[in-house]
PDB file of N, CA and C in Angstrom:
ATOM      1  N   MET A   1     -30.247 -10.461 -35.724  1.00  0.00           N
ATOM      2  CA  MET A   1     -29.845 -10.196 -37.075  1.00  0.00           C
ATOM      3  C   MET A   1     -28.558 -10.018 -37.206  1.00  0.00           C
ATOM      4  N   ASP A   2     -27.821 -10.600 -38.359  1.00  0.00           N
ATOM      5  CA  ASP A   2     -26.291 -10.655 -38.545  1.00  0.00           C
ATOM      6  C   ASP A   2     -25.906  -9.810 -39.297  1.00  0.00           C
ATOM      7  N   THR A   3     -25.072  -9.019 -38.908  1.00  0.00           N
ATOM      8  CA  THR A   3     -24.447  -7.975 -39.848  1.00  0.00           C
ATOM      9  C   THR A   3     -23.323  -8.679 -40.328  1.00  0.00           C
ATOM     10  N   HIS A   4     -23.258  -8.557 -41.582  1.00  0.00           N
ATOM     11  CA  HIS A   4     -21.872  -8.770 -42.015  1.00  0.00           C
ATOM     12  C   HIS A   4     -21.721  -8.350 -43.468  1.00  0.00           C
ATOM     13  N   HIS A   5     -20.818  -8.518 -44.005  1.00  0.00           N
ATOM     14  CA  HIS A   5     -20.477  -7.901 -45.570  1.00  0.00           C
ATOM     15  C   HIS A   5     -20.334  -8.845 -46.398  1.00  0.00           C
ATOM     16  N   THR A   6     -20.403  -9.192 -47.719  1.00  0.00           N
ATOM     17  CA  THR A   6     -19.937  -9.946 -48.466  1.00  0.00           C
ATOM     18  C   THR A   6     -18.782  -9.406 -49.582  1.00  0.00           C
ATOM     19  N   VAL A   7     -18.089 -10.503 -50.226  1.00  0.00           N
ATOM     20  CA  VAL A   7     -17.158  -9.903 -50.813  1.00  0.00           C
ATOM     21  C   VAL A   7     -17.851  -9.497 -52.522  1.00  0.00           C
ATOM     22  N   SER A   8     -17.289  -8.935 -53.236  1.00  0.00           N
ATOM     23  CA  SER A   8     -18.121  -8.663 -54.245  1.00  0.00           C
ATOM     24  C   SER A   8     -18.007 -10.020 -55.168  1.00  0.00           C
ATOM     25  N   GLY A   9     -19.354 -10.231 -55.616  1.00  0.00           N
ATOM     26  CA  GLY A   9     -19.453 -11.421 -56.633  1.00  0.00           C
ATOM     27  C   GLY A   9     -19.549 -12.742 -55.628  1.00  0.00           C
ATOM     28  N   THR A  10     -19.643 -12.695 -54.478  1.00  0.00           N
ATOM     29  CA  THR A  10     -20.064 -13.817 -53.745  1.00  0.00           C
ATOM     30  C   THR A  10     -21.068 -13.467 -52.879  1.00  0.00           C
ATOM     31  N   GLU A  11     -21.848 -14.488 -52.455  1.00  0.00           N
ATOM     32  CA  GLU A  11     -22.443 -14.144 -51.484  1.00  0.00           C
ATOM     33  C   GLU A  11     -22.292 -14.704 -49.824  1.00  0.00           C
ATOM     34  N   ALA A  12     -21.240 -15.387 -49.936  1.00  0.00           N
ATOM     35  CA  ALA A  12     -20.538 -15.675 -48.443  1.00  0.00           C
ATOM     36  C   ALA A  12     -20.350 -14.512 -47.598  1.00  0.00           C
ATOM     37  N   PRO A  13     -20.607 -14.706 -46.313  1.00  0.00           N
ATOM     38  CA  PRO A  13     -20.369 -13.494 -45.259  1.00  0.00           C
ATOM     39  C   PRO A  13     -18.779 -13.765 -45.213  1.00  0.00           C
ATOM     40  N   VAL A  14     -18.691 -12.531 -44.814  1.00  0.00           N
ATOM     41  CA  VAL A  14     -17.071 -12.189 -44.475  1.00  0.00           C
ATOM     42  C   VAL A  14     -17.149 -11.618 -43.242  1.00  0.00           C
ATOM     43  N   TYR A  15     -16.625 -12.518 -41.967  1.00  0.00           N
ATOM     44  CA  TYR A  15     -16.486 -12.075 -40.544  1.00  0.00           C
ATOM     45  C   TYR A  15     -15.315 -11.483 -40.113  1.00  0.00           C
ATOM     46  N   GLY A  16     -14.869 -10.806 -39.192  1.00  0.00           N
ATOM     47  CA  GLY A  16     -14.020 -10.308 -38.736  1.00  0.00           C
ATOM     48  C   GLY A  16     -12.929 -11.279 -38.632  1.00  0.00           C
ATOM     49  N   TYR A  17     -12.986 -12.593 -38.367  1.00  0.00           N
ATOM     50  CA  TYR A  17     -11.945 -13.677 -38.446  1.00  0.00           C
ATOM     51  C   TYR A  17     -11.496 -13.963 -39.558  1.00  0.00           C
ATOM     52  N   SER A  18     -12.160 -13.684 -40.683  1.00  0.00           N
ATOM     53  CA  SER A  18     -12.068 -14.245 -42.083  1.00  0.00           C
ATOM     54  C   SER A  18     -10.536 -14.102 -42.584  1.00  0.00           C
ATOM     55  N   GLY A  19     -10.111 -12.802 -42.145  1.00  0.00           N
ATOM     56  CA  GLY A  19      -8.586 -12.858 -42.501  1.00  0.00           C
ATOM     57  C   GLY A  19      -7.763 -13.772 -42.034  1.00  0.00           C
ATOM     58  N   ASP A  20      -7.884 -14.190 -40.840  1.00  0.00           N
ATOM     59  CA  ASP A  20      -7.276 -15.290 -40.063  1.00  0.00           C
ATOM     60  C   ASP A  20      -7.670 -16.738 -40.082  1.00  0.00           C
ATOM     61  N   LYS A  21      -8.316 -16.754 -40.948  1.00  0.00           N
ATOM     62  CA  LYS A  21      -9.359 -18.096 -40.831  1.00  0.00           C
ATOM     63  C   LYS A  21      -8.193 -19.480 -40.850  1.00  0.00           C
ATOM     64  N   ALA A  22      -7.430 -19.645 -41.573  1.00  0.00           N
ATOM     65  CA  ALA A  22      -6.277 -20.364 -41.776  1.00  0.00           C
ATOM     66  C   ALA A  22      -5.641 -20.839 -40.577  1.00  0.00           C
ATOM     67  N   ALA A  23      -5.322 -19.277 -39.888  1.00  0.00           N
ATOM     68  CA  ALA A  23      -4.634 -19.574 -38.375  1.00  0.00           C
ATOM     69  C   ALA A  23      -5.756 -20.318 -37.552  1.00  0.00           C
ATOM     70  N   TYR A  24      -7.028 -19.989 -37.656  1.00  0.00           N
ATOM     71  CA  TYR A  24      -7.819 -20.398 -36.635  1.00  0.00           C
ATOM     72  C   TYR A  24      -8.210 -22.078 -36.882  1.00  0.00           C
ATOM     73  N   GLN A  25      -8.201 -22.294 -38.171  1.00  0.00           N
ATOM     74  CA  GLN A  25      -8.207 -23.707 -38.584  1.00  0.00           C
ATOM     75  C   GLN A  25      -7.206 -24.559 -37.847  1.00  0.00           C
ATOM     76  N   ARG A  26      -6.022 -23.866 -38.254  1.00  0.00           N
ATOM     77  CA  ARG A  26      -4.900 -24.840 -37.651  1.00  0.00           C
ATOM     78  C   ARG A  26      -4.876 -24.869 -36.089  1.00  0.00           C
ATOM     79  N   ARG A  27      -5.279 -23.952 -35.310  1.00  0.00           N
ATOM     80  CA  ARG A  27      -5.225 -23.936 -33.861  1.00  0.00           C
ATOM     81  C   ARG A  27      -6.324 -24.951 -33.468  1.00  0.00           C
ATOM     82  N   MET A  28      -7.757 -24.789 -34.251  1.00  0.00           N
ATOM     83  CA  MET A  28      -8.486 -25.937 -34.041  1.00  0.00           C
ATOM     84  C   MET A  28      -8.096 -27.437 -34.315  1.00  0.00           C
ATOM     85  N   ASN A  29      -7.374 -27.429 -35.320  1.00  0.00           N
ATOM     86  CA  ASN A  29      -7.091 -28.565 -35.603  1.00  0.00           C
ATOM     87  C   ASN A  29      -5.927 -29.218 -34.553  1.00  0.00           C
ATOM     88  N   ARG A  30      -5.184 -28.208 -33.736  1.00  0.00           N
ATOM     89  CA  ARG A  30      -4.065 -28.835 -32.912  1.00  0.00           C
ATOM     90  C   ARG A  30      -4.960 -29.161 -31.413  1.00  0.00           C
ATOM     91  N   ILE A  31      -6.166 -28.266 -31.242  1.00  0.00           N
ATOM     92  CA  ILE A  31      -6.911 -28.762 -30.032  1.00  0.00           C
ATOM     93  C   ILE A  31      -7.822 -30.037 -30.310  1.00  0.00           C
ATOM     94  N   GLU A  32      -8.069 -30.254 -31.512  1.00  0.00           N
ATOM     95  CA  GLU A  32      -8.665 -31.597 -31.782  1.00  0.00           C
ATOM     96  C   GLU A  32      -8.071 -32.717 -31.717  1.00  0.00           C
ATOM     97  N   GLY A  33      -6.440 -32.681 -32.103  1.00  0.00           N
ATOM     98  CA  GLY A  33      -5.718 -33.458 -31.730  1.00  0.00           C
ATOM     99  C   GLY A  33      -5.488 -33.794 -30.314  1.00  0.00           C
ATOM    100  N   GLN A  34      -5.315 -32.790 -29.589  1.00  0.00           N
ATOM    101  CA  GLN A  34      -5.097 -32.774 -28.066  1.00  0.00           C
ATOM    102  C   GLN A  34      -6.313 -33.795 -27.702  1.00  0.00           C
ATOM    103  N   VAL A  35      -7.331 -33.395 -28.056  1.00  0.00           N
ATOM    104  CA  VAL A  35      -8.804 -34.035 -27.542  1.00  0.00           C
ATOM    105  C   VAL A  35      -8.643 -35.458 -27.836  1.00  0.00           C
ATOM    106  N   ARG A  36      -8.370 -35.695 -28.913  1.00  0.00           N
ATOM    107  CA  ARG A  36      -8.098 -37.114 -29.427  1.00  0.00           C
ATOM    108  C   ARG A  36      -7.184 -37.911 -28.315  1.00  0.00           C
ATOM    109  N   GLY A  37      -5.749 -37.226 -28.125  1.00  0.00           N
ATOM    110  CA  GLY A  37      -5.168 -37.640 -27.173  1.00  0.00           C
ATOM    111  C   GLY A  37      -5.258 -37.837 -26.013  1.00  0.00           C
ATOM    112  N   ILE A  38      -6.477 -37.018 -25.542  1.00  0.00           N
ATOM    113  CA  ILE A  38      -7.096 -37.491 -24.139  1.00  0.00           C
ATOM    114  C   ILE A  38      -7.999 -38.573 -24.024  1.00  0.00           C
ATOM    115  N   ALA A  39      -8.822 -38.723 -25.316  1.00  0.00           N
ATOM    116  CA  ALA A  39      -9.402 -40.062 -25.341  1.00  0.00           C
ATOM    117  C   ALA A  39      -8.470 -41.409 -25.263  1.00  0.00           C
ATOM    118  N   ARG A  40      -7.229 -41.133 -25.905  1.00  0.00           N
ATOM    119  CA  ARG A  40      -6.275 -42.236 -26.064  1.00  0.00           C
ATOM    120  C   ARG A  40      -5.803 -42.563 -24.719  1.00  0.00           C
ATOM    121  N   MET A  41      -5.424 -41.334 -24.035  1.00  0.00           N
ATOM    122  CA  MET A  41      -5.174 -41.546 -22.817  1.00  0.00           C
ATOM    123  C   MET A  41      -5.995 -42.225 -21.724  1.00  0.00           C
ATOM    124  N   ILE A  42      -7.567 -41.868 -21.821  1.00  0.00           N
ATOM    125  CA  ILE A  42      -8.325 -42.676 -21.330  1.00  0.00           C
ATOM    126  C   ILE A  42      -8.348 -44.238 -21.587  1.00  0.00           C
ATOM    127  N   ASP A  43      -8.203 -44.626 -22.723  1.00  0.00           N
ATOM    128  CA  ASP A  43      -8.442 -45.714 -23.185  1.00  0.00           C
ATOM    129  C   ASP A  43      -7.192 -46.651 -23.025  1.00  0.00           C
ATOM    130  N   GLU A  44      -6.134 -46.083 -23.188  1.00  0.00           N
ATOM    131  CA  GLU A  44      -4.901 -46.885 -22.334  1.00  0.00           C
ATOM    132  C   GLU A  44      -4.797 -46.664 -20.739  1.00  0.00           C
ATOM    133  N   ASP A  45      -5.696 -46.261 -19.907  1.00  0.00           N
ATOM    134  CA  ASP A  45      -5.633 -46.311 -18.569  1.00  0.00           C
ATOM    135  C   ASP A  45      -4.374 -45.278 -18.108  1.00  0.00           C
ATOM    136  N   LYS A  46      -4.409 -44.257 -18.574  1.00  0.00           N
ATOM    137  CA  LYS A  46      -3.246 -43.393 -17.966  1.00  0.00           C
ATOM    138  C   LYS A  46      -4.000 -42.806 -16.662  1.00  0.00           C
ATOM    139  N   TYR A  47      -2.705 -42.245 -15.929  1.00  0.00           N
ATOM    140  CA  TYR A  47      -2.908 -42.048 -14.709  1.00  0.00           C
ATOM    141  C   TYR A  47      -3.946 -40.334 -14.395  1.00  0.00           C
ATOM    142  N   CYS A  48      -4.860 -40.485 -13.685  1.00  0.00           N
ATOM    143  CA  CYS A  48      -5.792 -39.481 -13.824  1.00  0.00           C
ATOM    144  C   CYS A  48      -5.378 -38.024 -13.649  1.00  0.00           C
ATOM    145  N   ILE A  49      -4.670 -37.773 -13.346  1.00  0.00           N
ATOM    146  CA  ILE A  49      -3.646 -36.343 -12.749  1.00  0.00           C
ATOM    147  C   ILE A  49      -3.196 -36.051 -14.531  1.00  0.00           C
ATOM    148  N   ASP A  50      -2.502 -37.008 -15.189  1.00  0.00           N
ATOM    149  CA  ASP A  50      -2.143 -36.648 -16.515  1.00  0.00           C
ATOM    150  C   ASP A  50      -2.927 -36.105 -17.350  1.00  0.00           C
ATOM    151  N   ILE A  51      -3.993 -37.341 -17.127  1.00  0.00           N
ATOM    152  CA  ILE A  51      -5.589 -36.626 -18.194  1.00  0.00           C
ATOM    153  C   ILE A  51      -5.584 -35.305 -17.833  1.00  0.00           C
ATOM    154  N   LEU A  52      -5.818 -34.869 -16.568  1.00  0.00           N
ATOM    155  CA  LEU A  52      -6.715 -33.654 -15.923  1.00  0.00           C
ATOM    156  C   LEU A  52      -5.828 -32.762 -16.598  1.00  0.00           C
ATOM    157  N   THR A  53      -4.197 -32.997 -16.545  1.00  0.00           N
ATOM    158  CA  THR A  53      -3.295 -31.709 -17.043  1.00  0.00           C
ATOM    159  C   THR A  53      -3.802 -31.567 -18.255  1.00  0.00           C
ATOM    160  N   GLN A  54      -3.794 -32.439 -19.352  1.00  0.00           N
ATOM    161  CA  GLN A  54      -4.066 -32.369 -20.659  1.00  0.00           C
ATOM    162  C   GLN A  54      -5.544 -31.685 -20.972  1.00  0.00           C
ATOM    163  N   ILE A  55      -6.496 -32.086 -20.106  1.00  0.00           N
ATOM    164  CA  ILE A  55      -7.574 -31.507 -20.120  1.00  0.00           C
ATOM    165  C   ILE A  55      -7.833 -29.915 -19.987  1.00  0.00           C
ATOM    166  N   SER A  56      -6.830 -29.563 -18.988  1.00  0.00           N
ATOM    167  CA  SER A  56      -6.623 -28.089 -18.654  1.00  0.00           C
ATOM    168  C   SER A  56      -6.182 -27.341 -19.789  1.00  0.00           C
ATOM    169  N   ALA A  57      -4.973 -27.986 -20.472  1.00  0.00           N
ATOM    170  CA  ALA A  57      -4.399 -27.340 -21.516  1.00  0.00           C
ATOM    171  C   ALA A  57      -5.357 -27.447 -22.770  1.00  0.00           C
ATOM    172  N   VAL A  58      -6.050 -28.176 -22.692  1.00  0.00           N
ATOM    173  CA  VAL A  58      -7.522 -28.017 -23.792  1.00  0.00           C
ATOM    174  C   VAL A  58      -8.231 -26.638 -23.685  1.00  0.00           C
ATOM    175  N   THR A  59      -8.612 -26.874 -22.394  1.00  0.00           N
ATOM    176  CA  THR A  59      -9.407 -25.863 -21.636  1.00  0.00           C
ATOM    177  C   THR A  59      -8.941 -24.171 -21.815  1.00  0.00           C
ATOM    178  N   LYS A  60      -7.504 -24.051 -21.596  1.00  0.00           N
ATOM    179  CA  LYS A  60      -6.966 -22.868 -22.043  1.00  0.00           C
ATOM    180  C   LYS A  60      -6.907 -22.450 -23.314  1.00  0.00           C
ATOM    181  N   ALA A  61      -6.663 -23.400 -24.315  1.00  0.00           N
ATOM    182  CA  ALA A  61      -6.619 -23.318 -25.782  1.00  0.00           C
ATOM    183  C   ALA A  61      -7.754 -22.893 -26.188  1.00  0.00           C
ATOM    184  N   LEU A  62      -8.904 -23.385 -26.135  1.00  0.00           N
ATOM    185  CA  LEU A  62     -10.362 -23.191 -26.302  1.00  0.00           C
ATOM    186  C   LEU A  62     -10.608 -21.642 -25.794  1.00  0.00           C
ATOM    187  N   HIS A  63     -10.293 -21.269 -24.851  1.00  0.00           N
ATOM    188  CA  HIS A  63     -10.470 -19.892 -23.704  1.00  0.00           C
ATOM    189  C   HIS A  63      -9.626 -18.985 -24.796  1.00  0.00           C
ATOM    190  N   ALA A  64      -8.457 -19.448 -25.256  1.00  0.00           N
ATOM    191  CA  ALA A  64      -7.581 -18.189 -25.999  1.00  0.00           C
ATOM    192  C   ALA A  64      -8.189 -18.086 -27.290  1.00  0.00           C
ATOM    193  N   VAL A  65      -8.701 -18.925 -27.998  1.00  0.00           N
ATOM    194  CA  VAL A  65      -9.587 -18.700 -29.358  1.00  0.00           C
ATOM    195  C   VAL A  65     -10.837 -18.104 -29.007  1.00  0.00           C
ATOM    196  N   SER A  66     -11.350 -18.490 -28.118  1.00  0.00           N
ATOM    197  CA  SER A  66     -12.486 -17.647 -27.597  1.00  0.00           C
ATOM    198  C   SER A  66     -12.455 -16.202 -27.440  1.00  0.00           C
ATOM    199  N   ILE A  67     -11.586 -15.832 -26.731  1.00  0.00           N
ATOM    200  CA  ILE A  67     -11.032 -14.548 -26.370  1.00  0.00           C
ATOM    201  C   ILE A  67     -10.842 -13.864 -27.562  1.00  0.00           C
ATOM    202  N   GLU A  68      -9.950 -14.277 -28.796  1.00  0.00           N
ATOM    203  CA  GLU A  68      -9.655 -13.831 -30.151  1.00  0.00           C
ATOM    204  C   GLU A  68     -10.826 -13.332 -30.998  1.00  0.00           C
ATOM    205  N   LEU A  69     -11.987 -14.742 -31.035  1.00  0.00           N
ATOM    206  CA  LEU A  69     -12.991 -14.148 -31.641  1.00  0.00           C
ATOM    207  C   LEU A  69     -13.872 -13.433 -31.234  1.00  0.00           C
ATOM    208  N   LEU A  70     -13.784 -13.083 -29.720  1.00  0.00           N
ATOM    209  CA  LEU A  70     -14.524 -12.048 -29.173  1.00  0.00           C
ATOM    210  C   LEU A  70     -14.122 -10.833 -29.583  1.00  0.00           C
ATOM    211  N   GLU A  71     -13.037 -10.664 -29.492  1.00  0.00           N
ATOM    212  CA  GLU A  71     -11.968  -9.487 -30.075  1.00  0.00           C
ATOM    213  C   GLU A  71     -12.426  -9.157 -31.511  1.00  0.00           C
ATOM    214  N   GLU A  72     -12.310 -10.285 -32.149  1.00  0.00           N
ATOM    215  CA  GLU A  72     -12.583  -9.910 -33.729  1.00  0.00           C
ATOM    216  C   GLU A  72     -14.026  -9.290 -33.904  1.00  0.00           C
ATOM    217  N   HIS A  73     -14.897 -10.192 -33.202  1.00  0.00           N
ATOM    218  CA  HIS A  73     -16.523  -9.573 -33.160  1.00  0.00           C
ATOM    219  C   HIS A  73     -16.580  -8.171 -32.674  1.00  0.00           C
ATOM    220  N   ILE A  74     -16.036  -7.660 -31.601  1.00  0.00           N
ATOM    221  CA  ILE A  74     -16.143  -6.323 -31.082  1.00  0.00           C
ATOM    222  C   ILE A  74     -15.416  -5.604 -32.423  1.00  0.00           C
ATOM    223  N   SER A  75     -14.090  -5.696 -32.925  1.00  0.00           N
ATOM    224  CA  SER A  75     -13.287  -4.576 -33.824  1.00  0.00           C
ATOM    225  C   SER A  75     -14.144  -4.748 -35.070  1.00  0.00           C
ATOM    226  N   HIS A  76     -14.820  -5.918 -35.571  1.00  0.00           N
ATOM    227  CA  HIS A  76     -15.316  -5.814 -36.868  1.00  0.00           C
ATOM    228  C   HIS A  76     -16.960  -5.759 -37.082  1.00  0.00           C
ATOM    229  N   CYS A  77     -17.528  -6.766 -36.244  1.00  0.00           N
ATOM    230  CA  CYS A  77     -18.966  -6.655 -36.193  1.00  0.00           C
ATOM    231  C   CYS A  77     -19.487  -5.360 -35.351  1.00  0.00           C
ATOM    232  N   VAL A  78     -19.316  -5.046 -34.325  1.00  0.00           N
ATOM    233  CA  VAL A  78     -19.718  -4.337 -33.502  1.00  0.00           C
ATOM    234  C   VAL A  78     -19.341  -2.893 -33.865  1.00  0.00           C
ATOM    235  N   VAL A  79     -18.357  -2.769 -34.177  1.00  0.00           N
ATOM    236  CA  VAL A  79     -17.928  -1.384 -34.805  1.00  0.00           C
ATOM    237  C   VAL A  79     -18.440  -1.136 -36.157  1.00  0.00           C
ATOM    238  N   GLY A  80     -18.755  -2.123 -37.029  1.00  0.00           N
ATOM    239  CA  GLY A  80     -19.467  -2.172 -38.247  1.00  0.00           C
ATOM    240  C   GLY A  80     -21.062  -1.693 -38.238  1.00  0.00           C
ATOM    241  N   ALA A  81     -21.495  -2.295 -36.959  1.00  0.00           N
ATOM    242  CA  ALA A  81     -22.716  -2.010 -36.614  1.00  0.00           C
ATOM    243  C   ALA A  81     -23.066  -0.553 -35.947  1.00  0.00           C
ATOM    244  N   ALA A  82     -21.703  -0.147 -35.229  1.00  0.00           N
ATOM    245  CA  ALA A  82     -22.016   1.233 -34.891  1.00  0.00           C
ATOM    246  C   ALA A  82     -21.908   2.300 -35.944  1.00  0.00           C
ATOM    247  N   ASN A  83     -20.965   1.933 -37.089  1.00  0.00           N
ATOM    248  CA  ASN A  83     -21.017   2.886 -38.217  1.00  0.00           C
ATOM    249  C   ASN A  83     -22.053   2.847 -38.770  1.00  0.00           C
ATOM    250  N   GLU A  84     -23.031   1.480 -39.259  1.00  0.00           N
ATOM    251  CA  GLU A  84     -24.055   1.803 -39.906  1.00  0.00           C
ATOM    252  C   GLU A  84     -25.122   2.246 -38.805  1.00  0.00           C
ATOM    253  N   SER A  85     -25.213   2.076 -37.827  1.00  0.00           N
ATOM    254  CA  SER A  85     -26.322   2.889 -37.164  1.00  0.00           C
ATOM    255  C   SER A  85     -25.897   4.317 -37.016  1.00  0.00           C
ATOM    256  N   ALA A  86     -24.609   4.763 -36.835  1.00  0.00           N
ATOM    257  CA  ALA A  86     -24.426   6.498 -37.317  1.00  0.00           C
ATOM    258  C   ALA A  86     -25.044   7.006 -38.662  1.00  0.00           C
ATOM    259  N   ALA A  87     -24.809   5.983 -39.569  1.00  0.00           N
ATOM    260  CA  ALA A  87     -24.954   6.255 -41.166  1.00  0.00           C
ATOM    261  C   ALA A  87     -26.758   6.317 -41.132  1.00  0.00           C
ATOM    262  N   THR A  88     -27.577   5.322 -40.461  1.00  0.00           N
ATOM    263  CA  THR A  88     -28.595   5.369 -40.584  1.00  0.00           C
ATOM    264  C   THR A  88     -29.880   6.008 -39.671  1.00  0.00           C
ATOM    265  N   GLY A  89     -29.046   6.377 -38.584  1.00  0.00           N
ATOM    266  CA  GLY A  89     -29.512   6.828 -37.210  1.00  0.00           C
ATOM    267  C   GLY A  89     -30.516   5.870 -36.545  1.00  0.00           C
ATOM    268  N   ASP A  90     -30.315   4.486 -36.946  1.00  0.00           N
ATOM    269  CA  ASP A  90     -31.030   3.437 -36.271  1.00  0.00           C
ATOM    270  C   ASP A  90     -29.890   2.710 -35.348  1.00  0.00           C
ATOM    271  N   PRO A  91     -30.389   3.080 -34.091  1.00  0.00           N
ATOM    272  CA  PRO A  91     -29.370   2.322 -32.937  1.00  0.00           C
ATOM    273  C   PRO A  91     -29.701   1.089 -32.807  1.00  0.00           C
ATOM    274  N   ALA A  92     -30.635   0.340 -33.408  1.00  0.00           N
ATOM    275  CA  ALA A  92     -31.277  -0.897 -33.004  1.00  0.00           C
ATOM    276  C   ALA A  92     -29.970  -2.053 -33.420  1.00  0.00           C
ATOM    277  N   VAL A  93     -29.195  -1.644 -34.406  1.00  0.00           N
ATOM    278  CA  VAL A  93     -28.171  -2.773 -34.987  1.00  0.00           C
ATOM    279  C   VAL A  93     -27.127  -2.709 -34.079  1.00  0.00           C
ATOM    280  N   VAL A  94     -26.307  -1.408 -33.778  1.00  0.00           N
ATOM    281  CA  VAL A  94     -25.510  -1.674 -32.726  1.00  0.00           C
ATOM    282  C   VAL A  94     -26.123  -2.327 -31.469  1.00  0.00           C
ATOM    283  N   GLU A  95     -27.000  -1.929 -30.933  1.00  0.00           N
ATOM    284  CA  GLU A  95     -27.732  -2.580 -29.708  1.00  0.00           C
ATOM    285  C   GLU A  95     -27.838  -3.952 -29.924  1.00  0.00           C
ATOM    286  N   GLU A  96     -28.096  -4.593 -30.883  1.00  0.00           N
ATOM    287  CA  GLU A  96     -28.248  -6.239 -30.981  1.00  0.00           C
ATOM    288  C   GLU A  96     -26.779  -6.875 -30.823  1.00  0.00           C
ATOM    289  N   LYS A  97     -25.884  -6.263 -31.768  1.00  0.00           N
ATOM    290  CA  LYS A  97     -24.456  -6.419 -31.770  1.00  0.00           C
ATOM    291  C   LYS A  97     -23.881  -6.412 -30.426  1.00  0.00           C
ATOM    292  N   VAL A  98     -24.184  -5.514 -29.641  1.00  0.00           N
ATOM    293  CA  VAL A  98     -23.630  -5.532 -28.035  1.00  0.00           C
ATOM    294  C   VAL A  98     -24.302  -6.384 -27.464  1.00  0.00           C
ATOM    295  N   ARG A  99     -25.322  -6.607 -27.548  1.00  0.00           N
ATOM    296  CA  ARG A  99     -26.343  -7.665 -26.633  1.00  0.00           C
ATOM    297  C   ARG A  99     -25.573  -9.214 -27.188  1.00  0.00           C
ATOM    298  N   GLU A 100     -25.269  -9.349 -28.613  1.00  0.00           N
ATOM    299  CA  GLU A 100     -24.459 -10.559 -28.759  1.00  0.00           C
ATOM    300  C   GLU A 100     -23.151 -10.848 -28.188  1.00  0.00           C
ATOM    301  N   ALA A 101     -22.455  -9.667 -28.319  1.00  0.00           N
ATOM    302  CA  ALA A 101     -21.024  -9.823 -27.555  1.00  0.00           C
ATOM    303  C   ALA A 101     -21.315 -10.045 -26.027  1.00  0.00           C
ATOM    304  N   SER A 102     -22.434  -9.249 -25.214  1.00  0.00           N
ATOM    305  CA  SER A 102     -22.702  -9.235 -23.779  1.00  0.00           C
ATOM    306  C   SER A 102     -23.161 -10.928 -23.432  1.00  0.00           C
ATOM    307  N   ALA A 103     -23.757 -11.717 -24.536  1.00  0.00           N
ATOM    308  CA  ALA A 103     -24.429 -12.765 -24.061  1.00  0.00           C
ATOM    309  C   ALA A 103     -23.023 -13.802 -24.332  1.00  0.00           C
ATOM    310  N   ALA A 104     -22.268 -13.401 -25.336  1.00  0.00           N
ATOM    311  CA  ALA A 104     -21.049 -14.568 -25.577  1.00  0.00           C
ATOM    312  C   ALA A 104     -20.221 -14.425 -24.108  1.00  0.00           C
ATOM    313  N   ILE A 105     -19.781 -13.196 -23.703  1.00  0.00           N
ATOM    314  CA  ILE A 105     -18.952 -12.878 -22.778  1.00  0.00           C
ATOM    315  C   ILE A 105     -19.594 -13.781 -21.367  1.00  0.00           C
ATOM    316  N   SER A 106     -21.077 -13.580 -21.109  1.00  0.00           N
ATOM    317  CA  SER A 106     -21.651 -14.379 -20.021  1.00  0.00           C
ATOM    318  C   SER A 106     -21.410 -15.967 -20.187  1.00  0.00           C
ATOM    319  N   ARG A 107     -21.574 -16.432 -21.342  1.00  0.00           N
ATOM    320  CA  ARG A 107     -21.225 -17.944 -21.574  1.00  0.00           C
ATOM    321  C   ARG A 107     -19.978 -18.522 -21.465  1.00  0.00           C
ATOM    322  N   LEU A 108     -19.254 -17.444 -21.828  1.00  0.00           N
ATOM    323  CA  LEU A 108     -17.614 -17.591 -21.682  1.00  0.00           C
ATOM    324  C   LEU A 108     -17.493 -17.645 -20.122  1.00  0.00           C
ATOM    325  N   LEU A 109     -17.901 -17.180 -19.432  1.00  0.00           N
ATOM    326  CA  LEU A 109     -17.547 -16.819 -17.851  1.00  0.00           C
ATOM    327  C   LEU A 109     -18.347 -17.865 -17.049  1.00  0.00           C
ATOM    328  N   LYS A 110     -19.438 -18.686 -17.893  1.00  0.00           N
ATOM    329  CA  LYS A 110     -20.119 -19.503 -17.123  1.00  0.00           C
ATOM    330  C   LYS A 110     -19.289 -20.806 -16.717  1.00  0.00           C
TER     331      LYS A 110
END
């Protein structure tokens, strides 16, 4: 179940990161450029340690974005589900969001 809200007059979902969407997109574009740079390094037969250093930088950048998105999910989606649960008396909504967050954390740690 995906609990989100819509902006009046639209059906597009509004998630916790929506307010920072442009910043997230800039960061992902930068990471995409780094990945293309790594592919170019391989194509140009660059030193393996230099390639591994760049892979490490991309991994750290993706990890940072992941953590921020997880924080957004908890502060927006989980808190919203908790409020909905309190209003309706149905704990299933918040339980589902907590399960989603737990599964995401598990995937990040693997």
